[in-house]
């Protein structure tokens, strides 16, 4: 009897978790053969899947062209196509777990999506921000003073001594 109650409670918890909205983020690579003016249509498909499943958007990163760290290949029309560039974008949204399952299926089926990842996250901004401390003014107290050079007075050199010195240098 106790096991039956525990199983019923666990089933209710799982059902309640599935009905609750959670915060998710999806990152996706769009194939580079999609023209930049058509990127909005591809992103619109992803957004509409989330909206149909009852999701609401928190933040979005528009797709940006980037070079991939390694080539990725997908199967297109019974052959493999390899890409080394893509358009990367992301969406942060709140939705029930069923919405995520529907999104996963749709992204796998979409031939314009090269690769994607969906994961749970938090609502707050999680990207690290650059913290710059206040700069203080530094005054230099040690200034470099120019050193006066004392001119050396050259002694007159005779041409005979000069010729001898040149001959010694060239014969060595």
N, C-alpha and C. Protein backbone atom coordinates (compact mmCIF):
# COMPACT_ATOMS: atom_id res chain seq x y z
N UNK A 1 0.83 -1.20 0.00
CA UNK A 1 0.00 0.00 0.00
C UNK A 1 0.87 1.25 0.00
N UNK A 2 1.94 1.22 0.82
CA UNK A 2 2.83 2.38 0.91
C UNK A 2 3.52 2.63 -0.42
N UNK A 3 3.89 1.53 -1.12
CA UNK A 3 4.54 1.68 -2.42
C UNK A 3 3.59 2.29 -3.44
N UNK A 4 2.32 1.91 -3.38
CA UNK A 4 1.33 2.44 -4.30
C UNK A 4 1.15 3.94 -4.09
N UNK A 5 1.10 4.37 -2.80
CA UNK A 5 0.97 5.80 -2.51
C UNK A 5 2.19 6.57 -2.99
N UNK A 6 3.37 6.00 -2.73
CA UNK A 6 4.61 6.66 -3.15
C UNK A 6 4.65 6.79 -4.67
N UNK A 7 4.21 5.75 -5.38
CA UNK A 7 4.18 5.79 -6.84
C UNK A 7 3.20 6.82 -7.35
N UNK A 8 2.04 6.94 -6.68
CA UNK A 8 1.03 7.92 -7.10
C UNK A 8 1.54 9.34 -6.87
N UNK A 9 2.21 9.56 -5.73
CA UNK A 9 2.75 10.88 -5.43
C UNK A 9 3.84 11.24 -6.44
N UNK A 10 4.69 10.27 -6.75
CA UNK A 10 5.77 10.50 -7.71
C UNK A 10 5.20 10.83 -9.09
N UNK A 11 4.15 10.14 -9.50
CA UNK A 11 3.51 10.40 -10.78
C UNK A 11 2.92 11.80 -10.81
N UNK A 12 2.32 12.23 -9.70
CA UNK A 12 1.76 13.58 -9.62
C UNK A 12 2.88 14.61 -9.71
N UNK A 13 4.01 14.34 -9.04
CA UNK A 13 5.13 15.28 -9.09
C UNK A 13 5.67 15.43 -10.51
N UNK A 14 5.79 14.31 -11.21
CA UNK A 14 6.29 14.35 -12.59
C UNK A 14 5.31 15.11 -13.47
N UNK A 15 4.02 14.87 -13.30
CA UNK A 15 3.01 15.57 -14.09
C UNK A 15 3.01 17.06 -13.77
N UNK A 16 3.19 17.40 -12.49
CA UNK A 16 3.22 18.81 -12.10
C UNK A 16 4.46 19.50 -12.67
N UNK A 17 5.61 18.81 -12.64
CA UNK A 17 6.83 19.39 -13.20
C UNK A 17 6.68 19.64 -14.69
N UNK A 18 6.03 18.72 -15.40
CA UNK A 18 5.84 18.87 -16.84
C UNK A 18 4.93 20.05 -17.14
N UNK A 19 3.95 20.30 -16.27
CA UNK A 19 3.03 21.40 -16.50
C UNK A 19 3.64 22.75 -16.14
N UNK A 20 4.63 22.76 -15.24
CA UNK A 20 5.26 24.01 -14.82
C UNK A 20 6.11 24.57 -15.94
N UNK A 21 6.14 25.88 -15.99
CA UNK A 21 7.02 26.53 -16.96
C UNK A 21 8.41 26.66 -16.37
N UNK A 22 9.38 26.45 -17.20
CA UNK A 22 10.78 26.58 -16.80
C UNK A 22 11.49 27.47 -17.81
N UNK A 23 12.65 27.91 -17.42
CA UNK A 23 13.44 28.77 -18.28
C UNK A 23 14.40 27.88 -19.08
N UNK A 24 14.40 28.07 -20.39
CA UNK A 24 15.27 27.31 -21.28
C UNK A 24 16.01 28.28 -22.20
N UNK A 25 17.08 27.78 -22.77
CA UNK A 25 17.80 28.53 -23.79
C UNK A 25 18.11 27.57 -24.92
N UNK A 26 17.92 28.03 -26.14
CA UNK A 26 18.25 27.24 -27.31
C UNK A 26 19.31 28.00 -28.11
N UNK A 27 20.37 27.29 -28.44
CA UNK A 27 21.40 27.84 -29.32
C UNK A 27 21.35 27.05 -30.62
N UNK A 28 21.49 27.72 -31.76
CA UNK A 28 21.36 27.02 -33.03
C UNK A 28 22.32 27.60 -34.06
N UNK A 29 22.76 26.73 -34.96
CA UNK A 29 23.58 27.12 -36.11
C UNK A 29 22.71 26.94 -37.35
N UNK A 30 22.59 27.99 -38.14
CA UNK A 30 21.85 27.94 -39.40
C UNK A 30 22.88 27.76 -40.52
N UNK A 31 22.55 26.91 -41.49
CA UNK A 31 23.51 26.64 -42.57
C UNK A 31 23.83 27.94 -43.32
N UNK A 32 25.06 28.08 -43.82
CA UNK A 32 25.47 29.33 -44.46
C UNK A 32 24.87 29.57 -45.83
N UNK A 33 24.20 28.57 -46.41
CA UNK A 33 23.58 28.77 -47.72
C UNK A 33 22.30 29.59 -47.64
N UNK A 34 21.78 29.79 -46.43
CA UNK A 34 20.61 30.64 -46.24
C UNK A 34 21.06 32.09 -46.39
N UNK A 35 20.37 32.85 -47.21
CA UNK A 35 20.74 34.26 -47.41
C UNK A 35 20.41 35.05 -46.16
N UNK A 36 21.18 36.12 -45.93
CA UNK A 36 20.99 36.92 -44.71
C UNK A 36 19.59 37.51 -44.62
N UNK A 37 18.99 37.85 -45.74
CA UNK A 37 17.63 38.41 -45.69
C UNK A 37 16.59 37.35 -45.35
N UNK A 38 16.94 36.07 -45.47
CA UNK A 38 16.01 34.98 -45.14
C UNK A 38 16.22 34.43 -43.73
N UNK A 39 17.19 34.96 -43.00
CA UNK A 39 17.45 34.47 -41.64
C UNK A 39 16.25 34.69 -40.72
N UNK A 40 15.57 35.83 -40.89
CA UNK A 40 14.41 36.12 -40.05
C UNK A 40 13.32 35.06 -40.20
N UNK A 41 13.17 34.53 -41.40
CA UNK A 41 12.15 33.49 -41.62
C UNK A 41 12.51 32.21 -40.87
N UNK A 42 13.79 31.85 -40.87
CA UNK A 42 14.22 30.63 -40.17
C UNK A 42 14.04 30.81 -38.66
N UNK A 43 14.44 31.98 -38.15
CA UNK A 43 14.28 32.26 -36.72
C UNK A 43 12.80 32.34 -36.37
N UNK A 44 12.00 32.88 -37.27
CA UNK A 44 10.56 32.95 -37.06
C UNK A 44 9.92 31.59 -36.89
N UNK A 45 10.42 30.59 -37.63
CA UNK A 45 9.90 29.23 -37.47
C UNK A 45 10.18 28.70 -36.07
N UNK A 46 11.39 28.95 -35.58
CA UNK A 46 11.76 28.49 -34.23
C UNK A 46 10.89 29.20 -33.20
N UNK A 47 10.72 30.50 -33.36
CA UNK A 47 9.90 31.28 -32.42
C UNK A 47 8.44 30.80 -32.44
N UNK A 48 7.92 30.50 -33.62
CA UNK A 48 6.51 30.09 -33.70
C UNK A 48 6.28 28.74 -33.03
N UNK A 49 7.26 27.84 -33.11
CA UNK A 49 7.13 26.54 -32.44
C UNK A 49 7.01 26.75 -30.93
N UNK A 50 7.85 27.64 -30.41
CA UNK A 50 7.83 27.91 -28.96
C UNK A 50 6.52 28.59 -28.57
N UNK A 51 6.06 29.55 -29.37
CA UNK A 51 4.82 30.26 -29.06
C UNK A 51 3.61 29.33 -29.12
N UNK A 52 3.56 28.43 -30.11
CA UNK A 52 2.44 27.49 -30.23
C UNK A 52 2.35 26.57 -29.02
N UNK A 53 3.49 26.26 -28.42
CA UNK A 53 3.51 25.37 -27.26
C UNK A 53 3.30 26.13 -25.96
N UNK A 54 3.02 27.42 -26.04
CA UNK A 54 2.72 28.20 -24.84
C UNK A 54 3.94 28.85 -24.20
N UNK A 55 5.00 29.02 -24.94
CA UNK A 55 6.20 29.63 -24.39
C UNK A 55 6.20 31.14 -24.55
N UNK A 56 6.99 31.81 -23.71
CA UNK A 56 7.16 33.26 -23.82
C UNK A 56 8.65 33.57 -23.84
N UNK A 57 9.03 34.61 -24.57
CA UNK A 57 10.44 34.92 -24.79
C UNK A 57 10.98 35.87 -23.74
N UNK A 58 12.23 35.64 -23.35
CA UNK A 58 12.90 36.47 -22.35
C UNK A 58 13.99 37.30 -23.02
N UNK A 59 14.81 36.66 -23.84
CA UNK A 59 15.91 37.35 -24.52
C UNK A 59 16.22 36.63 -25.82
N UNK A 60 16.92 37.35 -26.71
CA UNK A 60 17.25 36.77 -28.01
C UNK A 60 18.56 37.33 -28.51
N UNK A 61 19.33 36.49 -29.16
CA UNK A 61 20.55 36.90 -29.84
C UNK A 61 20.37 36.63 -31.32
N UNK A 62 20.38 37.69 -32.13
CA UNK A 62 20.16 37.54 -33.57
C UNK A 62 21.29 36.72 -34.19
N UNK A 63 21.00 35.95 -35.24
CA UNK A 63 22.03 35.14 -35.88
C UNK A 63 23.17 35.99 -36.44
N UNK A 64 24.39 35.53 -36.17
CA UNK A 64 25.60 36.23 -36.60
C UNK A 64 26.47 35.24 -37.36
N UNK A 65 27.04 35.67 -38.48
CA UNK A 65 27.93 34.79 -39.25
C UNK A 65 29.19 34.52 -38.46
N UNK A 66 29.62 33.26 -38.48
CA UNK A 66 30.84 32.90 -37.75
C UNK A 66 31.53 31.72 -38.43
N UNK A 67 32.83 31.63 -38.22
CA UNK A 67 33.60 30.48 -38.69
C UNK A 67 33.54 29.42 -37.60
N UNK A 68 33.27 28.20 -37.99
CA UNK A 68 33.17 27.11 -37.03
C UNK A 68 34.56 26.61 -36.64
N UNK A 69 34.67 26.09 -35.43
CA UNK A 69 35.94 25.56 -34.95
C UNK A 69 36.36 24.32 -35.73
N UNK A 70 35.40 23.58 -36.20
CA UNK A 70 35.67 22.38 -36.99
C UNK A 70 34.53 22.21 -37.98
N UNK A 71 34.77 21.57 -39.11
CA UNK A 71 33.70 21.40 -40.10
C UNK A 71 32.59 20.47 -39.58
N UNK A 72 31.35 20.81 -39.89
CA UNK A 72 30.20 19.99 -39.52
C UNK A 72 29.53 19.51 -40.81
N UNK A 73 29.08 18.28 -40.79
CA UNK A 73 28.41 17.77 -41.99
C UNK A 73 27.01 17.31 -41.63
N UNK A 74 26.11 17.51 -42.59
CA UNK A 74 24.74 17.02 -42.45
C UNK A 74 24.38 16.29 -43.74
N UNK A 75 23.38 15.47 -43.63
CA UNK A 75 22.93 14.71 -44.80
C UNK A 75 21.83 15.50 -45.50
N UNK A 76 22.10 15.85 -46.74
CA UNK A 76 21.14 16.58 -47.56
C UNK A 76 20.92 15.82 -48.86
N UNK A 77 19.70 15.54 -49.17
CA UNK A 77 19.36 14.89 -50.44
C UNK A 77 20.23 13.66 -50.72
N UNK A 78 20.31 12.78 -49.74
CA UNK A 78 21.05 11.52 -49.85
C UNK A 78 22.56 11.69 -50.04
N UNK A 79 23.10 12.83 -49.64
CA UNK A 79 24.56 13.00 -49.66
C UNK A 79 24.96 13.88 -48.48
N UNK A 80 26.21 13.78 -48.09
CA UNK A 80 26.71 14.57 -46.96
C UNK A 80 27.27 15.90 -47.47
N UNK A 81 26.89 16.96 -46.81
CA UNK A 81 27.42 18.29 -47.13
C UNK A 81 28.15 18.80 -45.90
N UNK A 82 29.35 19.33 -46.12
CA UNK A 82 30.18 19.80 -45.02
C UNK A 82 30.21 21.33 -45.01
N UNK A 83 30.08 21.90 -43.81
CA UNK A 83 30.09 23.35 -43.65
C UNK A 83 31.17 23.75 -42.65
N UNK A 84 31.84 24.87 -42.95
CA UNK A 84 32.82 25.40 -42.00
C UNK A 84 32.44 26.80 -41.52
N UNK A 85 31.29 27.31 -41.96
CA UNK A 85 30.74 28.58 -41.50
C UNK A 85 29.26 28.36 -41.18
N UNK A 86 28.71 29.23 -40.36
CA UNK A 86 27.27 29.17 -40.07
C UNK A 86 26.82 30.51 -39.52
N UNK A 87 25.53 30.61 -39.29
CA UNK A 87 24.95 31.76 -38.59
C UNK A 87 24.52 31.24 -37.22
N UNK A 88 25.09 31.80 -36.16
CA UNK A 88 24.75 31.34 -34.81
C UNK A 88 23.79 32.33 -34.16
N UNK A 89 22.71 31.81 -33.57
CA UNK A 89 21.75 32.62 -32.83
C UNK A 89 21.27 31.86 -31.61
N UNK A 90 20.58 32.56 -30.72
CA UNK A 90 20.06 31.91 -29.52
C UNK A 90 18.78 32.59 -29.07
N UNK A 91 17.98 31.84 -28.31
CA UNK A 91 16.73 32.34 -27.72
C UNK A 91 16.64 31.86 -26.28
N UNK A 92 16.25 32.75 -25.39
CA UNK A 92 15.97 32.35 -24.00
C UNK A 92 14.47 32.50 -23.84
N UNK A 93 13.84 31.45 -23.32
CA UNK A 93 12.37 31.47 -23.24
C UNK A 93 11.90 30.70 -22.02
N UNK A 94 10.64 30.94 -21.67
CA UNK A 94 9.98 30.23 -20.58
C UNK A 94 8.88 29.39 -21.20
N UNK A 95 8.87 28.09 -20.89
CA UNK A 95 7.89 27.19 -21.50
C UNK A 95 7.78 25.91 -20.69
N UNK A 96 6.67 25.19 -20.87
CA UNK A 96 6.55 23.87 -20.23
C UNK A 96 7.46 22.86 -20.94
N UNK A 97 7.69 21.73 -20.30
CA UNK A 97 8.60 20.71 -20.84
C UNK A 97 8.14 20.18 -22.19
N UNK A 98 6.81 20.10 -22.41
CA UNK A 98 6.31 19.61 -23.70
C UNK A 98 6.75 20.51 -24.84
N UNK A 99 6.86 21.80 -24.58
CA UNK A 99 7.30 22.73 -25.62
C UNK A 99 8.72 22.42 -26.05
N UNK A 100 9.54 22.04 -25.09
CA UNK A 100 10.93 21.73 -25.40
C UNK A 100 11.02 20.48 -26.26
N UNK A 101 10.20 19.49 -25.94
CA UNK A 101 10.20 18.26 -26.75
C UNK A 101 9.76 18.56 -28.18
N UNK A 102 8.73 19.38 -28.34
CA UNK A 102 8.27 19.76 -29.68
C UNK A 102 9.34 20.55 -30.42
N UNK A 103 10.03 21.43 -29.71
CA UNK A 103 11.10 22.23 -30.31
C UNK A 103 12.24 21.33 -30.77
N UNK A 104 12.63 20.38 -29.93
CA UNK A 104 13.71 19.45 -30.29
C UNK A 104 13.38 18.70 -31.58
N UNK A 105 12.15 18.18 -31.68
CA UNK A 105 11.74 17.43 -32.87
C UNK A 105 11.77 18.32 -34.11
N UNK A 106 11.25 19.53 -33.97
CA UNK A 106 11.20 20.44 -35.12
C UNK A 106 12.59 20.86 -35.57
N UNK A 107 13.50 21.11 -34.63
CA UNK A 107 14.85 21.52 -35.00
C UNK A 107 15.61 20.37 -35.67
N UNK A 108 15.39 19.14 -35.22
CA UNK A 108 16.04 17.99 -35.85
C UNK A 108 15.53 17.80 -37.28
N UNK A 109 14.26 18.07 -37.52
CA UNK A 109 13.66 17.88 -38.83
C UNK A 109 13.99 19.01 -39.80
N UNK A 110 14.31 20.19 -39.30
CA UNK A 110 14.58 21.36 -40.14
C UNK A 110 15.96 21.23 -40.79
N UNK A 111 16.00 21.18 -42.12
CA UNK A 111 17.26 21.02 -42.84
C UNK A 111 18.10 22.30 -42.86
N UNK A 112 17.52 23.42 -42.47
CA UNK A 112 18.28 24.68 -42.44
C UNK A 112 19.02 24.86 -41.12
N UNK A 113 18.72 24.04 -40.13
CA UNK A 113 19.42 24.09 -38.84
C UNK A 113 20.54 23.06 -38.89
N UNK A 114 21.77 23.55 -38.81
CA UNK A 114 22.94 22.68 -38.87
C UNK A 114 23.10 21.89 -37.57
N UNK A 115 23.02 22.59 -36.45
CA UNK A 115 23.16 21.96 -35.14
C UNK A 115 22.43 22.83 -34.13
N UNK A 116 21.97 22.22 -33.03
CA UNK A 116 21.27 22.98 -31.99
C UNK A 116 21.50 22.34 -30.63
N UNK A 117 21.21 23.12 -29.59
CA UNK A 117 21.25 22.62 -28.22
C UNK A 117 20.18 23.35 -27.43
N UNK A 118 19.45 22.62 -26.59
CA UNK A 118 18.43 23.20 -25.71
C UNK A 118 18.79 22.79 -24.29
N UNK A 119 18.81 23.76 -23.39
CA UNK A 119 19.13 23.44 -21.99
C UNK A 119 18.38 24.35 -21.05
N UNK A 120 18.22 23.87 -19.81
CA UNK A 120 17.57 24.67 -18.76
C UNK A 120 18.56 25.68 -18.25
N UNK A 121 18.04 26.85 -17.89
CA UNK A 121 18.90 27.91 -17.38
C UNK A 121 18.12 28.73 -16.36
N UNK A 122 18.61 29.89 -16.02
CA UNK A 122 17.95 30.78 -15.08
C UNK A 122 17.52 32.05 -15.81
N UNK A 123 16.60 32.76 -15.21
CA UNK A 123 16.06 33.96 -15.85
C UNK A 123 17.09 35.09 -15.91
N UNK A 124 17.92 35.19 -14.90
CA UNK A 124 18.86 36.30 -14.81
C UNK A 124 19.88 36.24 -15.94
N UNK A 125 20.48 37.38 -16.18
CA UNK A 125 21.56 37.48 -17.16
C UNK A 125 22.76 36.73 -16.61
N UNK A 126 23.25 35.77 -17.34
CA UNK A 126 24.34 34.95 -16.83
C UNK A 126 25.67 35.21 -17.51
N UNK A 127 25.68 36.06 -18.50
CA UNK A 127 26.95 36.34 -19.17
C UNK A 127 27.83 37.20 -18.28
N UNK A 128 29.09 36.92 -18.27
CA UNK A 128 30.04 37.67 -17.44
C UNK A 128 30.22 39.06 -18.03
N UNK A 129 30.23 40.02 -17.17
CA UNK A 129 30.45 41.39 -17.61
C UNK A 129 31.86 41.80 -17.23
N UNK A 130 32.42 42.63 -18.06
CA UNK A 130 33.77 43.12 -17.81
C UNK A 130 33.71 44.18 -16.73
N UNK A 131 34.44 43.95 -15.66
CA UNK A 131 34.45 44.90 -14.55
C UNK A 131 35.72 45.73 -14.64
N UNK A 132 35.53 47.00 -14.87
CA UNK A 132 36.67 47.90 -14.93
C UNK A 132 36.72 48.72 -13.66
N UNK A 133 37.84 48.70 -13.01
CA UNK A 133 38.01 49.51 -11.81
C UNK A 133 38.21 50.97 -12.21
N UNK A 134 38.00 51.85 -11.27
CA UNK A 134 38.22 53.26 -11.58
C UNK A 134 39.72 53.51 -11.66
N UNK A 135 40.09 54.25 -12.65
CA UNK A 135 41.50 54.55 -12.83
C UNK A 135 41.87 55.76 -12.00
N UNK A 136 43.03 55.69 -11.40
CA UNK A 136 43.48 56.83 -10.61
C UNK A 136 44.59 57.53 -11.37
N UNK A 137 44.71 58.80 -11.11
CA UNK A 137 45.73 59.58 -11.80
C UNK A 137 47.06 59.40 -11.09
N UNK A 138 48.07 59.16 -11.87
CA UNK A 138 49.41 58.97 -11.32
C UNK A 138 50.27 60.12 -11.81
N UNK A 139 50.88 60.80 -10.85
CA UNK A 139 51.77 61.90 -11.21
C UNK A 139 53.20 61.42 -11.06
N UNK A 140 53.97 61.72 -12.04
CA UNK A 140 55.37 61.30 -12.00
C UNK A 140 56.19 62.34 -11.28
N UNK A 141 56.98 61.88 -10.36
CA UNK A 141 57.87 62.79 -9.64
C UNK A 141 59.30 62.67 -10.12
N UNK A 142 59.57 61.58 -10.79
CA UNK A 142 60.93 61.39 -11.28
C UNK A 142 60.99 61.74 -12.76
N UNK A 143 61.51 62.89 -13.05
CA UNK A 143 61.65 63.28 -14.44
C UNK A 143 63.09 63.10 -14.86
N UNK A 144 63.25 62.77 -16.07
CA UNK A 144 64.60 62.54 -16.59
C UNK A 144 65.13 63.87 -17.11
N UNK A 145 66.26 64.25 -16.54
CA UNK A 145 66.88 65.51 -16.95
C UNK A 145 67.95 65.19 -17.99
N UNK A 146 68.02 66.01 -19.01
CA UNK A 146 69.03 65.75 -20.03
C UNK A 146 70.44 65.95 -19.46
N UNK A 147 71.35 65.08 -19.85
CA UNK A 147 72.74 65.16 -19.41
C UNK A 147 73.52 65.92 -20.47
N UNK A 148 74.26 66.90 -20.00
CA UNK A 148 75.06 67.67 -20.94
C UNK A 148 76.32 66.90 -21.25
N UNK A 149 76.62 66.84 -22.51
CA UNK A 149 77.81 66.13 -22.94
C UNK A 149 78.97 67.12 -23.07
N UNK A 150 80.08 66.64 -22.63
CA UNK A 150 81.28 67.45 -22.76
C UNK A 150 81.93 67.06 -24.07
N UNK A 151 82.16 68.07 -24.87
CA UNK A 151 82.76 67.79 -26.16
C UNK A 151 84.22 67.47 -25.99
N UNK A 152 84.62 66.42 -26.65
CA UNK A 152 86.03 66.06 -26.62
C UNK A 152 86.75 66.85 -27.71
N UNK A 153 87.85 67.37 -27.34
CA UNK A 153 88.63 68.11 -28.32
C UNK A 153 89.58 67.11 -28.96
N UNK A 154 89.46 66.98 -30.23
CA UNK A 154 90.29 66.01 -30.94
C UNK A 154 91.64 66.64 -31.25
N UNK A 155 92.66 65.85 -31.04
CA UNK A 155 94.01 66.31 -31.35
C UNK A 155 94.22 66.20 -32.85
N UNK A 156 95.00 67.08 -33.37
CA UNK A 156 95.24 67.00 -34.81
C UNK A 156 96.00 65.71 -35.16
N UNK A 157 95.58 65.08 -36.24
CA UNK A 157 96.18 63.83 -36.68
C UNK A 157 96.86 64.10 -38.03
N UNK A 158 98.05 63.59 -38.12
CA UNK A 158 98.77 63.80 -39.38
C UNK A 158 98.31 62.77 -40.39
N UNK A 159 98.54 63.09 -41.64
CA UNK A 159 98.10 62.19 -42.70
C UNK A 159 98.93 60.92 -42.71
N UNK A 160 100.13 60.98 -42.30
CA UNK A 160 101.01 59.81 -42.29
C UNK A 160 100.49 58.82 -41.25
N UNK A 161 100.13 59.31 -40.05
CA UNK A 161 99.59 58.44 -39.00
C UNK A 161 98.26 57.82 -39.44
N UNK A 162 97.47 58.60 -40.12
CA UNK A 162 96.17 58.12 -40.60
C UNK A 162 96.36 57.01 -41.64
N UNK A 163 97.29 57.19 -42.56
CA UNK A 163 97.56 56.17 -43.58
C UNK A 163 98.07 54.89 -42.94
N UNK A 164 98.93 54.99 -41.94
CA UNK A 164 99.45 53.81 -41.25
C UNK A 164 98.31 53.04 -40.56
N UNK A 165 97.43 53.75 -39.90
CA UNK A 165 96.32 53.11 -39.20
C UNK A 165 95.39 52.40 -40.18
N UNK A 166 95.13 53.02 -41.31
CA UNK A 166 94.27 52.41 -42.33
C UNK A 166 94.93 51.17 -42.92
N UNK A 167 96.23 51.23 -43.14
CA UNK A 167 96.94 50.10 -43.70
C UNK A 167 96.94 48.92 -42.73
N UNK A 168 97.08 49.20 -41.45
CA UNK A 168 97.06 48.14 -40.43
C UNK A 168 95.68 47.46 -40.38
N UNK A 169 94.66 48.25 -40.51
CA UNK A 169 93.29 47.69 -40.46
C UNK A 169 92.99 46.82 -41.68
N UNK A 170 93.47 47.23 -42.83
CA UNK A 170 93.14 46.49 -44.05
C UNK A 170 94.01 45.27 -44.25
N UNK A 171 95.18 45.23 -43.65
CA UNK A 171 96.05 44.06 -43.83
C UNK A 171 95.71 42.95 -42.85
N UNK A 172 95.04 43.22 -41.80
CA UNK A 172 94.71 42.17 -40.81
C UNK A 172 93.66 41.33 -41.36
